[in-house]
PDB file of N, CA and C in Angstrom:
ATOM      1  N   UNK A   1     -17.706   6.314  -5.042  1.00  0.00           N
ATOM      2  CA  UNK A   1     -16.484   5.630  -4.690  1.00  0.00           C
ATOM      3  C   UNK A   1     -15.322   6.603  -4.851  1.00  0.00           C
ATOM      4  N   UNK A   2     -14.420   6.611  -3.900  1.00  0.00           N
ATOM      5  CA  UNK A   2     -13.268   7.509  -3.933  1.00  0.00           C
ATOM      6  C   UNK A   2     -12.215   6.995  -4.899  1.00  0.00           C
ATOM      7  N   UNK A   3     -11.566   7.905  -5.589  1.00  0.00           N
ATOM      8  CA  UNK A   3     -10.451   7.522  -6.448  1.00  0.00           C
ATOM      9  C   UNK A   3      -9.196   8.172  -5.914  1.00  0.00           C
ATOM     10  N   UNK A   4      -8.109   7.430  -5.977  1.00  0.00           N
ATOM     11  CA  UNK A   4      -6.837   7.906  -5.448  1.00  0.00           C
ATOM     12  C   UNK A   4      -6.084   8.697  -6.503  1.00  0.00           C
ATOM     13  N   UNK A   5      -5.139   9.520  -6.053  1.00  0.00           N
ATOM     14  CA  UNK A   5      -4.371  10.347  -6.978  1.00  0.00           C
ATOM     15  C   UNK A   5      -2.875  10.124  -6.829  1.00  0.00           C
ATOM     16  N   UNK A   6      -2.451   8.941  -6.383  1.00  0.00           N
ATOM     17  CA  UNK A   6      -1.030   8.653  -6.278  1.00  0.00           C
ATOM     18  C   UNK A   6      -0.434   8.502  -7.678  1.00  0.00           C
ATOM     19  N   UNK A   7       0.788   8.999  -7.898  1.00  0.00           N
ATOM     20  CA  UNK A   7       1.433   8.812  -9.208  1.00  0.00           C
ATOM     21  C   UNK A   7       1.608   7.321  -9.497  1.00  0.00           C
ATOM     22  N   UNK A   8       1.313   6.898 -10.718  1.00  0.00           N
ATOM     23  CA  UNK A   8       1.304   5.474 -11.050  1.00  0.00           C
ATOM     24  C   UNK A   8       2.672   4.818 -10.986  1.00  0.00           C
ATOM     25  N   UNK A   9       3.746   5.523 -11.290  1.00  0.00           N
ATOM     26  CA  UNK A   9       5.077   4.924 -11.325  1.00  0.00           C
ATOM     27  C   UNK A   9       5.793   4.975  -9.976  1.00  0.00           C
ATOM     28  N   UNK A  10       5.213   5.604  -9.002  1.00  0.00           N
ATOM     29  CA  UNK A  10       5.838   5.748  -7.702  1.00  0.00           C
ATOM     30  C   UNK A  10       5.792   4.438  -6.926  1.00  0.00           C
ATOM     31  N   UNK A  11       6.809   4.242  -6.083  1.00  0.00           N
ATOM     32  CA  UNK A  11       6.827   3.107  -5.169  1.00  0.00           C
ATOM     33  C   UNK A  11       6.538   3.648  -3.776  1.00  0.00           C
ATOM     34  N   UNK A  12       5.599   3.016  -3.095  1.00  0.00           N
ATOM     35  CA  UNK A  12       5.145   3.448  -1.780  1.00  0.00           C
ATOM     36  C   UNK A  12       5.847   2.609  -0.711  1.00  0.00           C
ATOM     37  N   UNK A  13       6.532   3.255   0.207  1.00  0.00           N
ATOM     38  CA  UNK A  13       7.211   2.551   1.300  1.00  0.00           C
ATOM     39  C   UNK A  13       6.194   2.205   2.393  1.00  0.00           C
ATOM     40  N   UNK A  14       6.548   1.278   3.285  1.00  0.00           N
ATOM     41  CA  UNK A  14       5.637   0.969   4.390  1.00  0.00           C
ATOM     42  C   UNK A  14       5.284   2.196   5.230  1.00  0.00           C
ATOM     43  N   UNK A  15       6.231   3.059   5.502  1.00  0.00           N
ATOM     44  CA  UNK A  15       5.925   4.248   6.303  1.00  0.00           C
ATOM     45  C   UNK A  15       5.011   5.211   5.544  1.00  0.00           C
ATOM     46  N   UNK A  16       5.208   5.341   4.224  1.00  0.00           N
ATOM     47  CA  UNK A  16       4.315   6.184   3.422  1.00  0.00           C
ATOM     48  C   UNK A  16       2.911   5.602   3.399  1.00  0.00           C
ATOM     49  N   UNK A  17       2.811   4.283   3.248  1.00  0.00           N
ATOM     50  CA  UNK A  17       1.494   3.641   3.224  1.00  0.00           C
ATOM     51  C   UNK A  17       0.792   3.822   4.568  1.00  0.00           C
ATOM     52  N   UNK A  18       1.554   3.747   5.634  1.00  0.00           N
ATOM     53  CA  UNK A  18       0.999   3.984   6.956  1.00  0.00           C
ATOM     54  C   UNK A  18       0.396   5.384   7.045  1.00  0.00           C
ATOM     55  N   UNK A  19       1.081   6.377   6.508  1.00  0.00           N
ATOM     56  CA  UNK A  19       0.568   7.746   6.500  1.00  0.00           C
ATOM     57  C   UNK A  19      -0.661   7.880   5.607  1.00  0.00           C
ATOM     58  N   UNK A  20      -0.618   7.276   4.431  1.00  0.00           N
ATOM     59  CA  UNK A  20      -1.736   7.356   3.484  1.00  0.00           C
ATOM     60  C   UNK A  20      -3.004   6.765   4.099  1.00  0.00           C
ATOM     61  N   UNK A  21      -2.858   5.595   4.724  1.00  0.00           N
ATOM     62  CA  UNK A  21      -4.014   4.898   5.291  1.00  0.00           C
ATOM     63  C   UNK A  21      -4.360   5.370   6.699  1.00  0.00           C
ATOM     64  N   UNK A  22      -3.488   6.164   7.279  1.00  0.00           N
ATOM     65  CA  UNK A  22      -3.657   6.648   8.649  1.00  0.00           C
ATOM     66  C   UNK A  22      -3.822   5.477   9.622  1.00  0.00           C
ATOM     67  N   UNK A  23      -2.967   4.505   9.448  1.00  0.00           N
ATOM     68  CA  UNK A  23      -2.917   3.319  10.314  1.00  0.00           C
ATOM     69  C   UNK A  23      -1.462   3.070  10.685  1.00  0.00           C
ATOM     70  N   UNK A  24      -1.236   2.402  11.793  1.00  0.00           N
ATOM     71  CA  UNK A  24       0.128   2.116  12.227  1.00  0.00           C
ATOM     72  C   UNK A  24       0.783   1.108  11.286  1.00  0.00           C
ATOM     73  N   UNK A  25       2.115   1.087  11.326  1.00  0.00           N
ATOM     74  CA  UNK A  25       2.840   0.108  10.513  1.00  0.00           C
ATOM     75  C   UNK A  25       2.513  -1.314  10.973  1.00  0.00           C
ATOM     76  N   UNK A  26       2.264  -1.483  12.257  1.00  0.00           N
ATOM     77  CA  UNK A  26       1.874  -2.799  12.784  1.00  0.00           C
ATOM     78  C   UNK A  26       0.571  -3.254  12.127  1.00  0.00           C
ATOM     79  N   UNK A  27      -0.388  -2.347  12.003  1.00  0.00           N
ATOM     80  CA  UNK A  27      -1.659  -2.673  11.357  1.00  0.00           C
ATOM     81  C   UNK A  27      -1.436  -3.038   9.893  1.00  0.00           C
ATOM     82  N   UNK A  28      -0.579  -2.291   9.203  1.00  0.00           N
ATOM     83  CA  UNK A  28      -0.270  -2.590   7.790  1.00  0.00           C
ATOM     84  C   UNK A  28       0.235  -4.021   7.665  1.00  0.00           C
ATOM     85  N   UNK A  29       1.219  -4.397   8.501  1.00  0.00           N
ATOM     86  CA  UNK A  29       1.781  -5.751   8.421  1.00  0.00           C
ATOM     87  C   UNK A  29       0.768  -6.811   8.824  1.00  0.00           C
ATOM     88  N   UNK A  30      -0.112  -6.503   9.781  1.00  0.00           N
ATOM     89  CA  UNK A  30      -1.159  -7.458  10.155  1.00  0.00           C
ATOM     90  C   UNK A  30      -2.115  -7.678   8.986  1.00  0.00           C
ATOM     91  N   UNK A  31      -2.507  -6.580   8.304  1.00  0.00           N
ATOM     92  CA  UNK A  31      -3.402  -6.706   7.145  1.00  0.00           C
ATOM     93  C   UNK A  31      -2.766  -7.541   6.040  1.00  0.00           C
ATOM     94  N   UNK A  32      -1.454  -7.401   5.849  1.00  0.00           N
ATOM     95  CA  UNK A  32      -0.762  -8.213   4.839  1.00  0.00           C
ATOM     96  C   UNK A  32      -0.833  -9.685   5.240  1.00  0.00           C
ATOM     97  N   UNK A  33      -0.530  -9.964   6.511  1.00  0.00           N
ATOM     98  CA  UNK A  33      -0.567 -11.341   7.010  1.00  0.00           C
ATOM     99  C   UNK A  33      -1.962 -11.945   6.872  1.00  0.00           C
ATOM    100  N   UNK A  34      -2.989 -11.129   7.102  1.00  0.00           N
ATOM    101  CA  UNK A  34      -4.380 -11.584   6.998  1.00  0.00           C
ATOM    102  C   UNK A  34      -4.904 -11.524   5.561  1.00  0.00           C
ATOM    103  N   UNK A  35      -4.048 -11.154   4.618  1.00  0.00           N
ATOM    104  CA  UNK A  35      -4.371 -11.052   3.192  1.00  0.00           C
ATOM    105  C   UNK A  35      -5.465 -10.039   2.906  1.00  0.00           C
ATOM    106  N   UNK A  36      -5.544  -8.999   3.732  1.00  0.00           N
ATOM    107  CA  UNK A  36      -6.479  -7.904   3.497  1.00  0.00           C
ATOM    108  C   UNK A  36      -5.835  -6.803   2.671  1.00  0.00           C
ATOM    109  N   UNK A  37      -4.515  -6.832   2.557  1.00  0.00           N
ATOM    110  CA  UNK A  37      -3.734  -5.839   1.824  1.00  0.00           C
ATOM    111  C   UNK A  37      -2.739  -6.597   0.957  1.00  0.00           C
ATOM    112  N   UNK A  38      -2.509  -6.152  -0.284  1.00  0.00           N
ATOM    113  CA  UNK A  38      -1.545  -6.849  -1.138  1.00  0.00           C
ATOM    114  C   UNK A  38      -0.153  -6.845  -0.506  1.00  0.00           C
ATOM    115  N   UNK A  39       0.597  -7.916  -0.702  1.00  0.00           N
ATOM    116  CA  UNK A  39       1.949  -7.950  -0.146  1.00  0.00           C
ATOM    117  C   UNK A  39       2.873  -6.983  -0.891  1.00  0.00           C
ATOM    118  N   UNK A  40       3.894  -6.482  -0.210  1.00  0.00           N
ATOM    119  CA  UNK A  40       4.841  -5.593  -0.883  1.00  0.00           C
ATOM    120  C   UNK A  40       5.753  -6.389  -1.808  1.00  0.00           C
ATOM    121  N   UNK A  41       6.424  -5.670  -2.686  1.00  0.00           N
ATOM    122  CA  UNK A  41       7.409  -6.281  -3.567  1.00  0.00           C
ATOM    123  C   UNK A  41       8.797  -5.889  -3.079  1.00  0.00           C
ATOM    124  N   UNK A  42       9.794  -6.682  -3.438  1.00  0.00           N
ATOM    125  CA  UNK A  42      11.175  -6.344  -3.110  1.00  0.00           C
ATOM    126  C   UNK A  42      11.757  -5.506  -4.235  1.00  0.00           C
ATOM    127  N   UNK A  43      12.392  -4.418  -3.865  1.00  0.00           N
ATOM    128  CA  UNK A  43      13.040  -3.544  -4.825  1.00  0.00           C
ATOM    129  C   UNK A  43      14.536  -3.653  -4.586  1.00  0.00           C
ATOM    130  N   UNK A  44      15.280  -3.955  -5.630  1.00  0.00           N
ATOM    131  CA  UNK A  44      16.729  -4.170  -5.521  1.00  0.00           C
ATOM    132  C   UNK A  44      17.075  -5.275  -4.532  1.00  0.00           C
ATOM    133  N   UNK A  45      16.180  -6.223  -4.369  1.00  0.00           N
ATOM    134  CA  UNK A  45      16.434  -7.381  -3.533  1.00  0.00           C
ATOM    135  C   UNK A  45      16.329  -7.169  -2.037  1.00  0.00           C
ATOM    136  N   UNK A  46      16.096  -5.933  -1.590  1.00  0.00           N
ATOM    137  CA  UNK A  46      16.103  -5.701  -0.147  1.00  0.00           C
ATOM    138  C   UNK A  46      14.973  -4.794   0.329  1.00  0.00           C
ATOM    139  N   UNK A  47      14.725  -3.722  -0.374  1.00  0.00           N
ATOM    140  CA  UNK A  47      13.754  -2.720   0.060  1.00  0.00           C
ATOM    141  C   UNK A  47      12.351  -3.181  -0.303  1.00  0.00           C
ATOM    142  N   UNK A  48      11.427  -3.062   0.653  1.00  0.00           N
ATOM    143  CA  UNK A  48      10.041  -3.443   0.402  1.00  0.00           C
ATOM    144  C   UNK A  48       9.198  -2.221   0.093  1.00  0.00           C
ATOM    145  N   UNK A  49       8.245  -2.393  -0.800  1.00  0.00           N
ATOM    146  CA  UNK A  49       7.335  -1.313  -1.136  1.00  0.00           C
ATOM    147  C   UNK A  49       6.237  -1.813  -2.057  1.00  0.00           C
ATOM    148  N   UNK A  50       5.313  -0.929  -2.365  1.00  0.00           N
ATOM    149  CA  UNK A  50       4.190  -1.252  -3.246  1.00  0.00           C
ATOM    150  C   UNK A  50       4.201  -0.304  -4.429  1.00  0.00           C
ATOM    151  N   UNK A  51       3.861  -0.808  -5.588  1.00  0.00           N
ATOM    152  CA  UNK A  51       3.638   0.075  -6.730  1.00  0.00           C
ATOM    153  C   UNK A  51       2.392   0.896  -6.426  1.00  0.00           C
ATOM    154  N   UNK A  52       2.456   2.178  -6.702  1.00  0.00           N
ATOM    155  CA  UNK A  52       1.323   3.064  -6.420  1.00  0.00           C
ATOM    156  C   UNK A  52       0.064   2.581  -7.135  1.00  0.00           C
ATOM    157  N   UNK A  53       0.227   2.016  -8.312  1.00  0.00           N
ATOM    158  CA  UNK A  53      -0.915   1.501  -9.073  1.00  0.00           C
ATOM    159  C   UNK A  53      -1.664   0.425  -8.276  1.00  0.00           C
ATOM    160  N   UNK A  54      -0.923  -0.446  -7.606  1.00  0.00           N
ATOM    161  CA  UNK A  54      -1.529  -1.515  -6.806  1.00  0.00           C
ATOM    162  C   UNK A  54      -2.293  -0.920  -5.626  1.00  0.00           C
ATOM    163  N   UNK A  55      -1.698   0.061  -4.970  1.00  0.00           N
ATOM    164  CA  UNK A  55      -2.359   0.702  -3.830  1.00  0.00           C
ATOM    165  C   UNK A  55      -3.587   1.479  -4.299  1.00  0.00           C
ATOM    166  N   UNK A  56      -3.489   2.161  -5.449  1.00  0.00           N
ATOM    167  CA  UNK A  56      -4.654   2.867  -5.997  1.00  0.00           C
ATOM    168  C   UNK A  56      -5.814   1.902  -6.226  1.00  0.00           C
ATOM    169  N   UNK A  57      -5.522   0.750  -6.815  1.00  0.00           N
ATOM    170  CA  UNK A  57      -6.573  -0.243  -7.070  1.00  0.00           C
ATOM    171  C   UNK A  57      -7.152  -0.765  -5.766  1.00  0.00           C
ATOM    172  N   UNK A  58      -6.300  -1.009  -4.779  1.00  0.00           N
ATOM    173  CA  UNK A  58      -6.772  -1.497  -3.485  1.00  0.00           C
ATOM    174  C   UNK A  58      -7.659  -0.443  -2.819  1.00  0.00           C
ATOM    175  N   UNK A  59      -7.240   0.818  -2.861  1.00  0.00           N
ATOM    176  CA  UNK A  59      -8.028   1.902  -2.278  1.00  0.00           C
ATOM    177  C   UNK A  59      -9.387   2.012  -2.960  1.00  0.00           C
ATOM    178  N   UNK A  60      -9.395   1.952  -4.285  1.00  0.00           N
ATOM    179  CA  UNK A  60     -10.661   2.058  -5.020  1.00  0.00           C
ATOM    180  C   UNK A  60     -11.618   0.923  -4.649  1.00  0.00           C
ATOM    181  N   UNK A  61     -11.067  -0.271  -4.414  1.00  0.00           N
ATOM    182  CA  UNK A  61     -11.898  -1.429  -4.091  1.00  0.00           C
ATOM    183  C   UNK A  61     -12.326  -1.478  -2.625  1.00  0.00           C
ATOM    184  N   UNK A  62     -11.567  -0.832  -1.736  1.00  0.00           N
ATOM    185  CA  UNK A  62     -11.802  -1.012  -0.303  1.00  0.00           C
ATOM    186  C   UNK A  62     -12.188   0.231   0.468  1.00  0.00           C
ATOM    187  N   UNK A  63     -12.140   1.394  -0.156  1.00  0.00           N
ATOM    188  CA  UNK A  63     -12.472   2.636   0.540  1.00  0.00           C
ATOM    189  C   UNK A  63     -13.590   3.317  -0.226  1.00  0.00           C
ATOM    190  N   UNK A  64     -14.565   3.763   0.480  1.00  0.00           N
ATOM    191  CA  UNK A  64     -15.601   4.497  -0.219  1.00  0.00           C
ATOM    192  C   UNK A  64     -16.892   4.350   0.378  1.00  0.00           C
TER     193      UNK A  64
END
């Protein structure tokens, strides 16, 4: 099973996640809607992103 090396305290933006997963942003949002990917959190009430720890756990569970 592959393990990710993203820094744990980092926040991943939708465009960064798109690059990491090598999928379009449209696919990212579709996966969220279909509950295949954890939903992003709001940062400062407006900016959306994911804690790197959450993405690392998702990658470990879904890639490999």
